[in-house]
Amino acid sequence: MRTDMVPGVAFPDYELSDHTGKHRKLSELQGGDPMVVVLGRGGFCPKDRRQAEGLLQLHREMEVGYCRMVTITTDNITQTNEYRSGVGAHWPFLSDSRRIIQKDLDIAEYTDPVHNPMIPHVVVLEPRLVIHKVYNGYWFFGRPTVEELRQDLRAVTMKCRPDWDITAPGLRTLWDQGRKEHFYPYGKPYVETLGERD
């Protein structure tokens, strides 16, 4: 992984085709929410498939926790759709068959010249695509567990949600005054309120 891809830095806003062929930007998929980006080898890899199966339950929690997830592989669109359907996933899968991300982030898996995939990584993002944590998953146990991701998402959510602790001094007053921009999902998106809290 490029040495500049560290916590606190903005992850590149890549635009790729999703499993339906529609072009999607990461910022569009993220909106104002925390997001987990899974960079994988592809549907051919049993480790990637097992990881995706493990993420199914977490994704259900992420949906009610207002967090996003996206998987990106070097599979073509047909393979991407088959991989997504095969594991029963309901989040977007993006195709990087031209290896744009692989080259840009310097994560070509040179030990597999047959498939020429990316070295698997998981990137946890705060709003505005800001990197919170990066996991290197070349070895399966380098990939984050569901519990580690849950803890990461808790930390990110605590940081980006002004109403994380609704018992905090002053929040009830803000609510009573109708200043709902401090509460999800009312008012301004959190990407705008983040600057007010810094």
N, C-alpha and C. Protein backbone atom coordinates (compact mmCIF):
# COMPACT_ATOMS: atom_id res chain seq x y z
N MET A 1 0.87 -1.19 0.00
CA MET A 1 0.00 0.00 0.00
C MET A 1 0.90 1.24 0.00
N ARG A 2 0.50 2.20 -0.78
CA ARG A 2 1.25 3.45 -0.81
C ARG A 2 1.50 3.98 0.59
N THR A 3 2.69 4.51 0.82
CA THR A 3 3.05 4.95 2.17
C THR A 3 2.25 6.15 2.65
N ASP A 4 1.61 6.87 1.73
CA ASP A 4 0.83 8.05 2.16
C ASP A 4 -0.60 7.67 2.56
N MET A 5 -0.98 6.42 2.42
CA MET A 5 -2.33 5.99 2.79
C MET A 5 -2.35 5.62 4.27
N VAL A 6 -2.46 6.64 5.10
CA VAL A 6 -2.39 6.48 6.55
C VAL A 6 -3.60 7.15 7.20
N PRO A 7 -3.89 6.82 8.45
CA PRO A 7 -5.02 7.46 9.15
C PRO A 7 -4.93 8.98 9.11
N GLY A 8 -6.09 9.59 8.84
CA GLY A 8 -6.19 11.04 8.78
C GLY A 8 -6.10 11.61 7.38
N VAL A 9 -5.66 10.79 6.42
CA VAL A 9 -5.52 11.22 5.02
C VAL A 9 -6.76 10.79 4.24
N ALA A 10 -7.14 11.57 3.24
CA ALA A 10 -8.29 11.22 2.41
C ALA A 10 -7.93 10.09 1.45
N PHE A 11 -8.76 9.07 1.41
CA PHE A 11 -8.62 7.97 0.46
C PHE A 11 -9.05 8.49 -0.91
N PRO A 12 -8.41 8.06 -2.00
CA PRO A 12 -8.80 8.55 -3.33
C PRO A 12 -10.27 8.24 -3.66
N ASP A 13 -10.91 9.17 -4.31
CA ASP A 13 -12.33 9.03 -4.67
C ASP A 13 -12.45 8.33 -6.02
N TYR A 14 -12.16 7.04 -6.02
CA TYR A 14 -12.18 6.27 -7.26
C TYR A 14 -13.60 6.17 -7.83
N GLU A 15 -13.67 6.11 -9.15
CA GLU A 15 -14.95 5.88 -9.84
C GLU A 15 -14.82 4.64 -10.69
N LEU A 16 -15.68 3.65 -10.42
CA LEU A 16 -15.62 2.37 -11.11
C LEU A 16 -17.03 1.90 -11.43
N SER A 17 -17.14 0.87 -12.26
CA SER A 17 -18.45 0.28 -12.56
C SER A 17 -18.83 -0.68 -11.46
N ASP A 18 -20.12 -0.62 -11.06
CA ASP A 18 -20.59 -1.55 -10.05
C ASP A 18 -21.03 -2.86 -10.71
N HIS A 19 -21.61 -3.74 -9.92
CA HIS A 19 -22.00 -5.07 -10.39
C HIS A 19 -23.10 -5.02 -11.46
N THR A 20 -23.74 -3.86 -11.63
CA THR A 20 -24.76 -3.70 -12.68
C THR A 20 -24.22 -2.97 -13.90
N GLY A 21 -22.97 -2.51 -13.83
CA GLY A 21 -22.38 -1.75 -14.92
C GLY A 21 -22.50 -0.24 -14.75
N LYS A 22 -23.14 0.21 -13.69
CA LYS A 22 -23.30 1.65 -13.43
C LYS A 22 -22.03 2.22 -12.81
N HIS A 23 -21.60 3.39 -13.30
CA HIS A 23 -20.42 4.04 -12.75
C HIS A 23 -20.75 4.65 -11.39
N ARG A 24 -19.91 4.36 -10.39
CA ARG A 24 -20.13 4.84 -9.03
C ARG A 24 -18.84 5.41 -8.46
N LYS A 25 -18.94 6.56 -7.81
CA LYS A 25 -17.79 7.13 -7.09
C LYS A 25 -17.90 6.73 -5.63
N LEU A 26 -16.75 6.54 -5.00
CA LEU A 26 -16.75 6.16 -3.59
C LEU A 26 -17.45 7.20 -2.73
N SER A 27 -17.24 8.48 -3.04
CA SER A 27 -17.88 9.54 -2.25
C SER A 27 -19.40 9.48 -2.37
N GLU A 28 -19.90 9.10 -3.53
CA GLU A 28 -21.35 8.96 -3.73
C GLU A 28 -21.88 7.80 -2.91
N LEU A 29 -21.14 6.70 -2.91
CA LEU A 29 -21.56 5.52 -2.16
C LEU A 29 -21.50 5.78 -0.66
N GLN A 30 -20.56 6.59 -0.23
CA GLN A 30 -20.40 6.86 1.19
C GLN A 30 -21.42 7.86 1.72
N GLY A 31 -21.73 8.89 0.95
CA GLY A 31 -22.58 9.95 1.47
C GLY A 31 -21.89 10.57 2.67
N GLY A 32 -22.61 10.77 3.77
CA GLY A 32 -22.01 11.33 4.97
C GLY A 32 -21.75 10.32 6.05
N ASP A 33 -21.71 9.03 5.68
CA ASP A 33 -21.61 7.96 6.67
C ASP A 33 -20.22 7.34 6.73
N PRO A 34 -19.89 6.66 7.83
CA PRO A 34 -18.68 5.84 7.86
C PRO A 34 -18.80 4.74 6.80
N MET A 35 -17.66 4.27 6.31
CA MET A 35 -17.71 3.25 5.25
C MET A 35 -16.53 2.30 5.39
N VAL A 36 -16.79 1.03 5.09
CA VAL A 36 -15.75 0.00 5.03
C VAL A 36 -15.53 -0.35 3.56
N VAL A 37 -14.28 -0.22 3.10
CA VAL A 37 -13.92 -0.56 1.73
C VAL A 37 -13.10 -1.85 1.77
N VAL A 38 -13.60 -2.87 1.09
CA VAL A 38 -12.91 -4.17 1.03
C VAL A 38 -12.26 -4.27 -0.34
N LEU A 39 -10.93 -4.27 -0.36
CA LEU A 39 -10.18 -4.45 -1.61
C LEU A 39 -9.76 -5.91 -1.67
N GLY A 40 -10.27 -6.64 -2.66
CA GLY A 40 -10.04 -8.08 -2.67
C GLY A 40 -9.45 -8.62 -3.94
N ARG A 41 -9.15 -9.91 -3.89
CA ARG A 41 -8.64 -10.62 -5.05
C ARG A 41 -9.75 -10.87 -6.07
N GLY A 42 -10.89 -11.33 -5.58
CA GLY A 42 -12.00 -11.62 -6.47
C GLY A 42 -12.70 -12.91 -6.10
N GLY A 43 -13.74 -13.21 -6.85
CA GLY A 43 -14.58 -14.36 -6.56
C GLY A 43 -13.87 -15.69 -6.66
N PHE A 44 -12.75 -15.75 -7.34
CA PHE A 44 -12.01 -17.01 -7.48
C PHE A 44 -11.31 -17.40 -6.18
N CYS A 45 -11.12 -16.44 -5.28
CA CYS A 45 -10.32 -16.67 -4.07
C CYS A 45 -11.19 -17.17 -2.93
N PRO A 46 -10.92 -18.37 -2.40
CA PRO A 46 -11.73 -18.88 -1.29
C PRO A 46 -11.63 -18.02 -0.04
N LYS A 47 -10.50 -17.36 0.17
CA LYS A 47 -10.35 -16.48 1.33
C LYS A 47 -11.27 -15.26 1.21
N ASP A 48 -11.34 -14.70 -0.01
CA ASP A 48 -12.23 -13.55 -0.23
C ASP A 48 -13.69 -13.96 -0.03
N ARG A 49 -14.04 -15.12 -0.54
CA ARG A 49 -15.43 -15.59 -0.40
C ARG A 49 -15.78 -15.82 1.07
N ARG A 50 -14.86 -16.40 1.83
CA ARG A 50 -15.11 -16.62 3.25
C ARG A 50 -15.23 -15.29 3.99
N GLN A 51 -14.38 -14.34 3.63
CA GLN A 51 -14.46 -13.01 4.25
C GLN A 51 -15.81 -12.37 3.96
N ALA A 52 -16.25 -12.44 2.71
CA ALA A 52 -17.54 -11.84 2.33
C ALA A 52 -18.69 -12.51 3.08
N GLU A 53 -18.62 -13.82 3.23
CA GLU A 53 -19.67 -14.52 3.98
C GLU A 53 -19.71 -14.02 5.43
N GLY A 54 -18.55 -13.78 6.01
CA GLY A 54 -18.48 -13.28 7.37
C GLY A 54 -19.00 -11.85 7.51
N LEU A 55 -18.91 -11.09 6.42
CA LEU A 55 -19.36 -9.70 6.46
C LEU A 55 -20.88 -9.55 6.30
N LEU A 56 -21.55 -10.64 5.92
CA LEU A 56 -22.99 -10.56 5.69
C LEU A 56 -23.74 -10.10 6.94
N GLN A 57 -23.46 -10.69 8.08
CA GLN A 57 -24.14 -10.31 9.31
C GLN A 57 -23.77 -8.90 9.72
N LEU A 58 -22.47 -8.56 9.60
CA LEU A 58 -22.05 -7.21 9.96
C LEU A 58 -22.76 -6.18 9.10
N HIS A 59 -22.93 -6.48 7.81
CA HIS A 59 -23.60 -5.52 6.94
C HIS A 59 -25.02 -5.23 7.40
N ARG A 60 -25.71 -6.25 7.89
CA ARG A 60 -27.07 -6.03 8.41
C ARG A 60 -27.03 -5.06 9.58
N GLU A 61 -25.99 -5.17 10.42
CA GLU A 61 -25.83 -4.23 11.53
C GLU A 61 -25.46 -2.84 11.01
N MET A 62 -24.61 -2.80 9.99
CA MET A 62 -24.18 -1.52 9.43
C MET A 62 -25.37 -0.75 8.84
N GLU A 63 -26.31 -1.47 8.26
CA GLU A 63 -27.48 -0.80 7.68
C GLU A 63 -28.29 -0.07 8.75
N VAL A 64 -28.51 -0.71 9.90
CA VAL A 64 -29.26 -0.05 10.95
C VAL A 64 -28.40 0.94 11.72
N GLY A 65 -27.07 0.83 11.58
CA GLY A 65 -26.15 1.76 12.22
C GLY A 65 -25.73 2.90 11.31
N TYR A 66 -26.36 3.02 10.14
CA TYR A 66 -26.08 4.09 9.18
C TYR A 66 -24.60 4.13 8.78
N CYS A 67 -24.10 2.97 8.35
CA CYS A 67 -22.74 2.85 7.83
C CYS A 67 -22.82 2.15 6.47
N ARG A 68 -21.79 2.33 5.68
CA ARG A 68 -21.78 1.78 4.31
C ARG A 68 -20.64 0.78 4.14
N MET A 69 -20.78 -0.06 3.13
CA MET A 69 -19.73 -1.00 2.77
C MET A 69 -19.67 -1.12 1.26
N VAL A 70 -18.47 -1.33 0.74
CA VAL A 70 -18.28 -1.57 -0.69
C VAL A 70 -17.12 -2.55 -0.85
N THR A 71 -17.26 -3.47 -1.79
CA THR A 71 -16.19 -4.42 -2.13
C THR A 71 -15.70 -4.08 -3.52
N ILE A 72 -14.37 -4.07 -3.69
CA ILE A 72 -13.74 -3.79 -4.99
C ILE A 72 -12.76 -4.91 -5.30
N THR A 73 -12.89 -5.49 -6.49
CA THR A 73 -11.95 -6.52 -6.93
C THR A 73 -11.52 -6.24 -8.37
N THR A 74 -10.58 -7.04 -8.86
CA THR A 74 -10.14 -6.92 -10.24
C THR A 74 -10.96 -7.80 -11.18
N ASP A 75 -12.04 -8.39 -10.68
CA ASP A 75 -12.94 -9.16 -11.53
C ASP A 75 -13.61 -8.25 -12.56
N ASN A 76 -14.01 -8.83 -13.69
CA ASN A 76 -14.80 -8.05 -14.64
C ASN A 76 -16.23 -7.93 -14.11
N ILE A 77 -17.09 -7.19 -14.80
CA ILE A 77 -18.42 -6.92 -14.27
C ILE A 77 -19.24 -8.20 -14.10
N THR A 78 -19.17 -9.12 -15.06
CA THR A 78 -19.91 -10.38 -14.95
C THR A 78 -19.44 -11.17 -13.73
N GLN A 79 -18.12 -11.29 -13.58
CA GLN A 79 -17.58 -12.02 -12.43
C GLN A 79 -17.93 -11.31 -11.12
N THR A 80 -17.92 -9.98 -11.14
CA THR A 80 -18.26 -9.20 -9.95
C THR A 80 -19.68 -9.48 -9.52
N ASN A 81 -20.60 -9.48 -10.49
CA ASN A 81 -22.01 -9.75 -10.19
C ASN A 81 -22.19 -11.18 -9.67
N GLU A 82 -21.50 -12.13 -10.30
CA GLU A 82 -21.60 -13.52 -9.86
C GLU A 82 -21.03 -13.71 -8.45
N TYR A 83 -19.93 -13.04 -8.16
CA TYR A 83 -19.32 -13.11 -6.83
C TYR A 83 -20.29 -12.55 -5.78
N ARG A 84 -20.85 -11.38 -6.06
CA ARG A 84 -21.80 -10.74 -5.13
C ARG A 84 -23.01 -11.64 -4.89
N SER A 85 -23.59 -12.14 -5.98
CA SER A 85 -24.76 -13.01 -5.86
C SER A 85 -24.43 -14.32 -5.16
N GLY A 86 -23.25 -14.87 -5.47
CA GLY A 86 -22.85 -16.15 -4.92
C GLY A 86 -22.70 -16.16 -3.41
N VAL A 87 -22.27 -15.01 -2.85
CA VAL A 87 -22.13 -14.95 -1.39
C VAL A 87 -23.37 -14.37 -0.72
N GLY A 88 -24.35 -13.91 -1.53
CA GLY A 88 -25.58 -13.37 -0.98
C GLY A 88 -25.44 -11.97 -0.42
N ALA A 89 -24.50 -11.20 -0.95
CA ALA A 89 -24.26 -9.84 -0.45
C ALA A 89 -25.29 -8.85 -1.00
N HIS A 90 -25.54 -7.79 -0.24
CA HIS A 90 -26.49 -6.76 -0.66
C HIS A 90 -25.86 -5.38 -0.70
N TRP A 91 -24.55 -5.31 -0.61
CA TRP A 91 -23.87 -4.03 -0.73
C TRP A 91 -23.21 -3.95 -2.11
N PRO A 92 -22.79 -2.76 -2.53
CA PRO A 92 -22.21 -2.61 -3.88
C PRO A 92 -20.87 -3.33 -4.02
N PHE A 93 -20.68 -3.98 -5.14
CA PHE A 93 -19.41 -4.57 -5.54
C PHE A 93 -18.96 -3.81 -6.78
N LEU A 94 -17.72 -3.33 -6.78
CA LEU A 94 -17.18 -2.58 -7.91
C LEU A 94 -16.12 -3.39 -8.63
N SER A 95 -16.08 -3.21 -9.95
CA SER A 95 -15.13 -3.91 -10.80
C SER A 95 -13.97 -3.00 -11.18
N ASP A 96 -12.75 -3.45 -10.86
CA ASP A 96 -11.54 -2.71 -11.25
C ASP A 96 -10.71 -3.58 -12.19
N SER A 97 -11.37 -4.06 -13.24
CA SER A 97 -10.69 -4.98 -14.17
C SER A 97 -9.51 -4.32 -14.89
N ARG A 98 -9.51 -2.98 -14.96
CA ARG A 98 -8.37 -2.28 -15.58
C ARG A 98 -7.23 -2.05 -14.59
N ARG A 99 -7.46 -2.48 -13.32
CA ARG A 99 -6.45 -2.43 -12.26
C ARG A 99 -5.98 -1.01 -11.95
N ILE A 100 -6.92 -0.08 -11.99
CA ILE A 100 -6.62 1.32 -11.67
C ILE A 100 -6.17 1.45 -10.22
N ILE A 101 -6.95 0.88 -9.31
CA ILE A 101 -6.62 0.98 -7.89
C ILE A 101 -5.37 0.17 -7.58
N GLN A 102 -5.29 -1.01 -8.16
CA GLN A 102 -4.12 -1.87 -7.93
C GLN A 102 -2.83 -1.11 -8.23
N LYS A 103 -2.82 -0.40 -9.36
CA LYS A 103 -1.63 0.34 -9.76
C LYS A 103 -1.45 1.60 -8.92
N ASP A 104 -2.54 2.34 -8.72
CA ASP A 104 -2.44 3.61 -8.02
C ASP A 104 -2.01 3.43 -6.57
N LEU A 105 -2.51 2.40 -5.91
CA LEU A 105 -2.16 2.17 -4.51
C LEU A 105 -0.94 1.27 -4.34
N ASP A 106 -0.40 0.79 -5.47
CA ASP A 106 0.77 -0.08 -5.45
C ASP A 106 0.50 -1.35 -4.63
N ILE A 107 -0.62 -2.02 -4.98
CA ILE A 107 -0.99 -3.24 -4.25
C ILE A 107 -1.17 -4.43 -5.20
N ALA A 108 -0.35 -4.48 -6.25
CA ALA A 108 -0.39 -5.65 -7.14
C ALA A 108 0.16 -6.86 -6.38
N GLU A 109 -0.57 -7.96 -6.43
CA GLU A 109 -0.11 -9.18 -5.76
C GLU A 109 0.81 -9.92 -6.72
N TYR A 110 2.09 -9.58 -6.64
CA TYR A 110 3.06 -10.10 -7.60
C TYR A 110 3.30 -11.60 -7.43
N THR A 111 2.83 -12.20 -6.33
CA THR A 111 2.99 -13.64 -6.13
C THR A 111 1.93 -14.45 -6.87
N ASP A 112 0.99 -13.76 -7.54
CA ASP A 112 -0.06 -14.45 -8.31
C ASP A 112 -0.12 -13.85 -9.71
N PRO A 113 0.84 -14.20 -10.58
CA PRO A 113 0.84 -13.64 -11.94
C PRO A 113 -0.30 -14.16 -12.80
N VAL A 114 -0.93 -15.27 -12.40
CA VAL A 114 -2.03 -15.84 -13.18
C VAL A 114 -3.25 -14.93 -13.14
N HIS A 115 -3.67 -14.54 -11.94
CA HIS A 115 -4.87 -13.71 -11.79
C HIS A 115 -4.55 -12.21 -11.75
N ASN A 116 -3.31 -11.85 -11.41
CA ASN A 116 -2.89 -10.45 -11.29
C ASN A 116 -3.89 -9.65 -10.43
N PRO A 117 -4.19 -10.12 -9.20
CA PRO A 117 -5.15 -9.42 -8.37
C PRO A 117 -4.50 -8.33 -7.53
N MET A 118 -5.32 -7.70 -6.68
CA MET A 118 -4.81 -6.77 -5.68
C MET A 118 -4.44 -7.55 -4.43
N ILE A 119 -3.47 -7.05 -3.68
CA ILE A 119 -3.24 -7.58 -2.34
C ILE A 119 -4.45 -7.16 -1.52
N PRO A 120 -5.14 -8.10 -0.89
CA PRO A 120 -6.34 -7.74 -0.14
C PRO A 120 -6.06 -6.76 0.99
N HIS A 121 -6.90 -5.77 1.10
CA HIS A 121 -6.86 -4.79 2.18
C HIS A 121 -8.29 -4.46 2.58
N VAL A 122 -8.46 -4.01 3.81
CA VAL A 122 -9.72 -3.44 4.26
C VAL A 122 -9.41 -2.06 4.80
N VAL A 123 -10.15 -1.07 4.32
CA VAL A 123 -9.93 0.31 4.72
C VAL A 123 -11.21 0.82 5.39
N VAL A 124 -11.09 1.27 6.62
CA VAL A 124 -12.22 1.84 7.34
C VAL A 124 -12.14 3.35 7.19
N LEU A 125 -13.23 3.94 6.69
CA LEU A 125 -13.23 5.37 6.38
C LEU A 125 -14.21 6.15 7.25
N GLU A 126 -13.74 7.29 7.70
CA GLU A 126 -14.61 8.29 8.32
C GLU A 126 -15.31 9.04 7.18
N PRO A 127 -16.32 9.87 7.48
CA PRO A 127 -16.90 10.71 6.42
C PRO A 127 -15.81 11.51 5.71
N ARG A 128 -16.12 11.88 4.46
CA ARG A 128 -15.20 12.58 3.56
C ARG A 128 -14.05 11.68 3.11
N LEU A 129 -14.26 10.35 3.18
CA LEU A 129 -13.27 9.36 2.75
C LEU A 129 -11.98 9.42 3.55
N VAL A 130 -12.03 9.95 4.76
CA VAL A 130 -10.83 10.06 5.60
C VAL A 130 -10.51 8.68 6.19
N ILE A 131 -9.26 8.26 6.02
CA ILE A 131 -8.84 6.95 6.49
C ILE A 131 -8.80 6.91 8.01
N HIS A 132 -9.47 5.90 8.57
CA HIS A 132 -9.42 5.65 10.01
C HIS A 132 -8.42 4.53 10.31
N LYS A 133 -8.49 3.46 9.50
CA LYS A 133 -7.59 2.33 9.71
C LYS A 133 -7.46 1.54 8.42
N VAL A 134 -6.27 0.93 8.22
CA VAL A 134 -6.00 0.09 7.06
C VAL A 134 -5.52 -1.27 7.55
N TYR A 135 -6.13 -2.34 7.03
CA TYR A 135 -5.72 -3.71 7.35
C TYR A 135 -5.15 -4.36 6.09
N ASN A 136 -4.01 -5.03 6.21
CA ASN A 136 -3.41 -5.77 5.11
C ASN A 136 -3.83 -7.22 5.24
N GLY A 137 -4.57 -7.73 4.24
CA GLY A 137 -5.11 -9.08 4.32
C GLY A 137 -4.48 -10.09 3.39
N TYR A 138 -3.20 -9.90 3.07
CA TYR A 138 -2.53 -10.89 2.22
C TYR A 138 -2.65 -12.28 2.85
N TRP A 139 -2.38 -12.34 4.15
CA TRP A 139 -2.68 -13.55 4.92
C TRP A 139 -4.06 -13.36 5.52
N PHE A 140 -4.87 -14.43 5.53
CA PHE A 140 -6.26 -14.32 5.93
C PHE A 140 -6.43 -13.69 7.31
N PHE A 141 -5.56 -14.05 8.25
CA PHE A 141 -5.73 -13.53 9.60
C PHE A 141 -5.19 -12.11 9.75
N GLY A 142 -4.72 -11.54 8.66
CA GLY A 142 -4.41 -10.11 8.67
C GLY A 142 -5.66 -9.28 8.42
N ARG A 143 -6.71 -9.94 7.95
CA ARG A 143 -7.97 -9.24 7.69
C ARG A 143 -8.70 -9.01 9.01
N PRO A 144 -9.43 -7.92 9.11
CA PRO A 144 -10.11 -7.65 10.38
C PRO A 144 -11.25 -8.62 10.63
N THR A 145 -11.44 -8.96 11.88
CA THR A 145 -12.60 -9.75 12.26
C THR A 145 -13.83 -8.84 12.24
N VAL A 146 -14.99 -9.46 12.28
CA VAL A 146 -16.23 -8.69 12.37
C VAL A 146 -16.21 -7.83 13.63
N GLU A 147 -15.69 -8.36 14.72
CA GLU A 147 -15.66 -7.60 15.97
C GLU A 147 -14.70 -6.41 15.87
N GLU A 148 -13.56 -6.59 15.21
CA GLU A 148 -12.64 -5.46 15.03
C GLU A 148 -13.29 -4.35 14.21
N LEU A 149 -13.99 -4.74 13.15
CA LEU A 149 -14.68 -3.74 12.34
C LEU A 149 -15.79 -3.06 13.13
N ARG A 150 -16.48 -3.82 13.95
CA ARG A 150 -17.53 -3.25 14.79
C ARG A 150 -16.92 -2.20 15.73
N GLN A 151 -15.77 -2.49 16.30
CA GLN A 151 -15.09 -1.54 17.19
C GLN A 151 -14.62 -0.30 16.41
N ASP A 152 -14.09 -0.52 15.20
CA ASP A 152 -13.68 0.61 14.37
C ASP A 152 -14.87 1.51 14.04
N LEU A 153 -15.98 0.89 13.67
CA LEU A 153 -17.17 1.67 13.32
C LEU A 153 -17.72 2.40 14.54
N ARG A 154 -17.60 1.80 15.70
CA ARG A 154 -18.01 2.50 16.92
C ARG A 154 -17.15 3.75 17.11
N ALA A 155 -15.85 3.61 16.97
CA ALA A 155 -14.95 4.75 17.16
C ALA A 155 -15.24 5.86 16.14
N VAL A 156 -15.45 5.47 14.89
CA VAL A 156 -15.73 6.46 13.85
C VAL A 156 -17.08 7.13 14.10
N THR A 157 -18.07 6.34 14.45
CA THR A 157 -19.40 6.89 14.69
C THR A 157 -19.40 7.85 15.87
N MET A 158 -18.69 7.50 16.93
CA MET A 158 -18.59 8.39 18.09
C MET A 158 -17.98 9.73 17.69
N LYS A 159 -17.05 9.68 16.76
CA LYS A 159 -16.34 10.88 16.31
C LYS A 159 -17.20 11.76 15.40
N CYS A 160 -18.02 11.12 14.55
CA CYS A 160 -18.71 11.90 13.51
C CYS A 160 -20.18 12.18 13.78
N ARG A 161 -20.75 11.58 14.81
CA ARG A 161 -22.17 11.83 15.11
C ARG A 161 -22.29 12.80 16.27
N PRO A 162 -22.72 14.03 16.05
CA PRO A 162 -22.85 14.99 17.14
C PRO A 162 -23.78 14.51 18.25
N ASP A 163 -24.72 13.64 17.91
CA ASP A 163 -25.68 13.18 18.91
C ASP A 163 -25.34 11.80 19.46
N TRP A 164 -24.05 11.40 19.40
CA TRP A 164 -23.65 10.09 19.89
C TRP A 164 -24.14 9.89 21.33
N ASP A 165 -23.90 10.89 22.17
CA ASP A 165 -24.38 10.83 23.55
C ASP A 165 -25.45 11.89 23.71
N ILE A 166 -26.71 11.48 23.54
CA ILE A 166 -27.78 12.49 23.59
C ILE A 166 -28.03 13.03 24.98
N THR A 167 -27.32 12.48 25.98
CA THR A 167 -27.42 13.05 27.33
C THR A 167 -26.36 14.11 27.58
N ALA A 168 -25.51 14.37 26.57
CA ALA A 168 -24.45 15.37 26.74
C ALA A 168 -25.07 16.75 27.01
N PRO A 169 -24.40 17.55 27.84
CA PRO A 169 -24.93 18.87 28.17
C PRO A 169 -25.22 19.70 26.92
N GLY A 170 -26.40 20.28 26.90
CA GLY A 170 -26.77 21.18 25.82
C GLY A 170 -27.54 20.56 24.68
N LEU A 171 -27.44 19.25 24.49
CA LEU A 171 -28.12 18.64 23.34
C LEU A 171 -29.63 18.70 23.48
N ARG A 172 -30.15 18.46 24.66
CA ARG A 172 -31.60 18.53 24.85
C ARG A 172 -32.10 19.94 24.55
N THR A 173 -31.32 20.94 24.96
CA THR A 173 -31.69 22.33 24.69
C THR A 173 -31.72 22.60 23.19
N LEU A 174 -30.71 22.09 22.47
CA LEU A 174 -30.68 22.26 21.02
C LEU A 174 -31.91 21.62 20.38
N TRP A 175 -32.28 20.42 20.85
CA TRP A 175 -33.47 19.75 20.33
C TRP A 175 -34.73 20.59 20.59
N ASP A 176 -34.86 21.05 21.82
CA ASP A 176 -36.04 21.84 22.19
C ASP A 176 -36.12 23.16 21.41
N GLN A 177 -34.96 23.68 21.01
CA GLN A 177 -34.91 24.91 20.22
C GLN A 177 -35.15 24.64 18.73
N GLY A 178 -35.31 23.37 18.38
CA GLY A 178 -35.54 23.02 16.98
C GLY A 178 -34.27 22.99 16.15
N ARG A 179 -33.13 22.97 16.79
CA ARG A 179 -31.84 22.95 16.07
C ARG A 179 -31.47 21.49 15.78
N LYS A 180 -32.25 20.89 14.90
CA LYS A 180 -32.13 19.46 14.64
C LYS A 180 -30.95 19.10 13.75
N GLU A 181 -30.21 20.10 13.28
CA GLU A 181 -29.03 19.78 12.46
C GLU A 181 -27.99 19.03 13.28
N HIS A 182 -28.13 19.00 14.60
CA HIS A 182 -27.20 18.28 15.47
C HIS A 182 -27.62 16.84 15.71
N PHE A 183 -28.71 16.41 15.04
CA PHE A 183 -29.25 15.07 15.26
C PHE A 183 -29.45 14.35 13.93
N TYR A 184 -29.07 13.07 13.92
CA TYR A 184 -29.25 12.27 12.71
C TYR A 184 -30.70 11.81 12.65
N PRO A 185 -31.37 11.87 11.52
CA PRO A 185 -30.92 12.25 10.18
C PRO A 185 -31.38 13.66 9.78
N TYR A 186 -31.73 14.47 10.76
CA TYR A 186 -32.26 15.80 10.47
C TYR A 186 -31.17 16.78 10.04
N GLY A 187 -31.62 17.88 9.46
CA GLY A 187 -30.71 18.99 9.18
C GLY A 187 -29.62 18.67 8.21
N LYS A 188 -28.48 19.29 8.44
CA LYS A 188 -27.34 19.17 7.54
C LYS A 188 -26.74 17.77 7.59
N PRO A 189 -26.16 17.32 6.48
CA PRO A 189 -25.45 16.05 6.53
C PRO A 189 -24.28 16.16 7.50
N TYR A 190 -23.86 15.04 8.05
CA TYR A 190 -22.77 15.06 9.01
C TYR A 190 -21.47 15.55 8.42
N VAL A 191 -21.29 15.39 7.12
CA VAL A 191 -20.05 15.88 6.52
C VAL A 191 -19.95 17.40 6.71
N GLU A 192 -21.08 18.08 6.81
CA GLU A 192 -21.05 19.52 7.01
C GLU A 192 -20.87 19.86 8.50
N THR A 193 -21.47 19.08 9.38
CA THR A 193 -21.39 19.40 10.81
C THR A 193 -20.05 19.00 11.40
N LEU A 194 -19.28 18.15 10.71
CA LEU A 194 -17.98 17.76 11.24
C LEU A 194 -17.10 18.96 11.48
N GLY A 195 -17.08 19.88 10.53
CA GLY A 195 -16.25 21.06 10.67
C GLY A 195 -16.62 21.91 11.86
N GLU A 196 -17.89 21.89 12.26
CA GLU A 196 -18.33 22.68 13.40
C GLU A 196 -17.83 22.10 14.70
N ARG A 197 -17.49 20.80 14.70
CA ARG A 197 -17.09 20.15 15.95
C ARG A 197 -15.58 20.14 16.10
N ASP A 198 -14.83 20.40 15.03
CA ASP A 198 -13.35 20.31 15.10
C ASP A 198 -12.77 21.43 15.91
